[in-house]
C-alpha atoms as a PDB file:
ATOM      1  CA  MET A   1      49.315 -39.677 -88.845  1.00  0.00           C
ATOM      2  CA  SER A   2      45.821 -40.237 -90.059  1.00  0.00           C
ATOM      3  CA  GLY A   3      44.959 -42.848 -92.653  1.00  0.00           C
ATOM      4  CA  PHE A   4      42.676 -40.575 -94.692  1.00  0.00           C
ATOM      5  CA  ALA A   5      43.511 -39.615 -98.264  1.00  0.00           C
ATOM      6  CA  PRO A   6      44.458 -35.998 -99.022  1.00  0.00           C
ATOM      7  CA  GLY A   7      41.615 -35.722-101.513  1.00  0.00           C
ATOM      8  CA  MET A   8      39.140 -36.397 -98.755  1.00  0.00           C
ATOM      9  CA  TYR A   9      40.414 -33.458 -96.725  1.00  0.00           C
ATOM     10  CA  ILE A  10      40.392 -31.184 -99.759  1.00  0.00           C
ATOM     11  CA  ALA A  11      36.848 -32.263-100.631  1.00  0.00           C
ATOM     12  CA  ALA A  12      35.599 -31.680 -97.101  1.00  0.00           C
ATOM     13  CA  LEU A  13      37.193 -28.237 -96.804  1.00  0.00           C
ATOM     14  CA  LEU A  14      36.021 -27.143-100.247  1.00  0.00           C
ATOM     15  CA  GLY A  15      32.532 -28.392 -99.444  1.00  0.00           C
ATOM     16  CA  LEU A  16      32.463 -26.448 -96.190  1.00  0.00           C
ATOM     17  CA  VAL A  17      33.434 -23.282 -98.061  1.00  0.00           C
ATOM     18  CA  TYR A  18      30.687 -23.877-100.621  1.00  0.00           C
ATOM     19  CA  GLY A  19      28.174 -24.590 -97.870  1.00  0.00           C
ATOM     20  CA  SER A  20      29.096 -21.360 -96.109  1.00  0.00           C
ATOM     21  CA  LEU A  21      28.701 -19.364 -99.306  1.00  0.00           C
ATOM     22  CA  ALA A  22      25.357 -20.999-100.042  1.00  0.00           C
ATOM     23  CA  HIS A  23      24.174 -20.130 -96.554  1.00  0.00           C
ATOM     24  CA  LEU A  24      25.151 -16.516 -97.150  1.00  0.00           C
ATOM     25  CA  LEU A  25      23.146 -16.536-100.397  1.00  0.00           C
ATOM     26  CA  TRP A  26      20.080 -18.577 -99.456  1.00  0.00           C
ATOM     27  CA  GLY A  27      20.097 -19.114 -95.698  1.00  0.00           C
ATOM     28  CA  ARG A  28      17.571 -17.184 -93.696  1.00  0.00           C
ATOM     29  CA  HIS A  29      18.380 -18.425 -90.231  1.00  0.00           C
ATOM     30  CA  TRP A  30      21.500 -19.706 -88.495  1.00  0.00           C
ATOM     31  CA  LEU A  31      19.742 -23.028 -87.856  1.00  0.00           C
ATOM     32  CA  HIS A  32      19.970 -23.719 -91.606  1.00  0.00           C
ATOM     33  CA  LEU A  33      23.759 -23.473 -91.531  1.00  0.00           C
ATOM     34  CA  PRO A  34      24.374 -27.177 -90.704  1.00  0.00           C
ATOM     35  CA  LEU A  35      22.204 -28.229 -93.645  1.00  0.00           C
ATOM     36  CA  PHE A  36      24.261 -26.178 -96.045  1.00  0.00           C
ATOM     37  CA  LEU A  37      27.599 -27.217 -94.554  1.00  0.00           C
ATOM     38  CA  ILE A  38      26.736 -30.911 -94.694  1.00  0.00           C
ATOM     39  CA  GLY A  39      25.273 -30.548 -98.184  1.00  0.00           C
ATOM     40  CA  GLY A  40      28.366 -28.840 -99.583  1.00  0.00           C
ATOM     41  CA  ALA A  41      30.761 -31.302 -98.001  1.00  0.00           C
ATOM     42  CA  LEU A  42      28.639 -34.254 -99.100  1.00  0.00           C
ATOM     43  CA  GLY A  43      28.566 -33.012-102.703  1.00  0.00           C
ATOM     44  CA  CYS A  44      32.344 -32.752-102.888  1.00  0.00           C
ATOM     45  CA  LEU A  45      32.913 -36.037-101.062  1.00  0.00           C
ATOM     46  CA  ILE A  46      30.541 -37.879-103.407  1.00  0.00           C
ATOM     47  CA  THR A  47      32.508 -36.607-106.389  1.00  0.00           C
ATOM     48  CA  TRP A  48      35.798 -37.642-104.803  1.00  0.00           C
ATOM     49  CA  ALA A  49      34.541 -41.085-103.749  1.00  0.00           C
ATOM     50  CA  ALA A  50      33.005 -41.813-107.157  1.00  0.00           C
ATOM     51  CA  GLY A  51      36.153 -40.661-108.938  1.00  0.00           C
ATOM     52  CA  ILE A  52      34.227 -38.466-111.363  1.00  0.00           C
ATOM     53  CA  GLN A  53      36.591 -36.575-113.656  1.00  0.00           C
ATOM     54  CA  ILE A  54      35.205 -35.330-116.957  1.00  0.00           C
ATOM     55  CA  PHE A  55      38.039 -32.968-117.858  1.00  0.00           C
ATOM     56  CA  LYS A  56      41.105 -35.217-117.775  1.00  0.00           C
ATOM     57  CA  GLN A  57      43.471 -32.415-118.805  1.00  0.00           C
ATOM     58  CA  LEU A  58      42.794 -30.367-115.650  1.00  0.00           C
ATOM     59  CA  PRO A  59      44.765 -31.129-112.494  1.00  0.00           C
ATOM     60  CA  ALA A  60      43.048 -33.074-109.717  1.00  0.00           C
ATOM     61  CA  PRO A  61      44.772 -32.379-106.391  1.00  0.00           C
ATOM     62  CA  GLY A  62      44.509 -35.422-104.170  1.00  0.00           C
ATOM     63  CA  GLY A  63      42.304 -37.138-106.727  1.00  0.00           C
ATOM     64  CA  LEU A  64      39.544 -34.521-106.433  1.00  0.00           C
ATOM     65  CA  ALA A  65      38.395 -33.039-109.733  1.00  0.00           C
ATOM     66  CA  VAL A  66      37.601 -29.511-108.554  1.00  0.00           C
ATOM     67  CA  PRO A  67      35.284 -28.357-111.406  1.00  0.00           C
ATOM     68  CA  GLU A  68      33.162 -31.485-111.155  1.00  0.00           C
ATOM     69  CA  ALA A  69      33.059 -31.280-107.363  1.00  0.00           C
ATOM     70  CA  THR A  70      31.987 -27.654-107.622  1.00  0.00           C
ATOM     71  CA  VAL A  71      29.116 -28.457-109.969  1.00  0.00           C
ATOM     72  CA  VAL A  72      27.876 -31.403-107.906  1.00  0.00           C
ATOM     73  CA  ALA A  73      28.111 -29.479-104.625  1.00  0.00           C
ATOM     74  CA  TRP A  74      26.248 -26.441-105.961  1.00  0.00           C
ATOM     75  CA  LEU A  75      23.539 -28.621-107.506  1.00  0.00           C
ATOM     76  CA  LEU A  76      23.051 -30.311-104.156  1.00  0.00           C
ATOM     77  CA  LEU A  77      23.080 -26.978-102.326  1.00  0.00           C
ATOM     78  CA  SER A  78      20.541 -25.430-104.674  1.00  0.00           C
ATOM     79  CA  GLY A  79      18.323 -28.476-104.131  1.00  0.00           C
ATOM     80  CA  ILE A  80      18.608 -28.020-100.377  1.00  0.00           C
ATOM     81  CA  ALA A  81      17.679 -24.347-100.740  1.00  0.00           C
ATOM     82  CA  ALA A  82      14.671 -25.213-102.907  1.00  0.00           C
ATOM     83  CA  ILE A  83      13.431 -27.875-100.488  1.00  0.00           C
ATOM     84  CA  ARG A  84      13.931 -25.590 -97.513  1.00  0.00           C
ATOM     85  CA  ARG A  85      11.800 -22.855 -99.120  1.00  0.00           C
ATOM     86  CA  ALA A  86       8.958 -25.201-100.017  1.00  0.00           C
END
């Protein structure tokens, strides 16, 4: 078995989903897909690694606060989209 925490897997998978959705919204070429995938995964992994959890009453599967990870990932993805268009 691997020594990685479950929250890390959840963060990476959720980030890949967000990156794929962002590419569908803002991506113009398939070469931009890796940027969005890495950006989404990085946003969720940063939230998990920092242990950010604003809403303590909501469940955090594997230690990942999903609402906070969603906000951080989408902020990062929108920044990537803005930089890519400039």
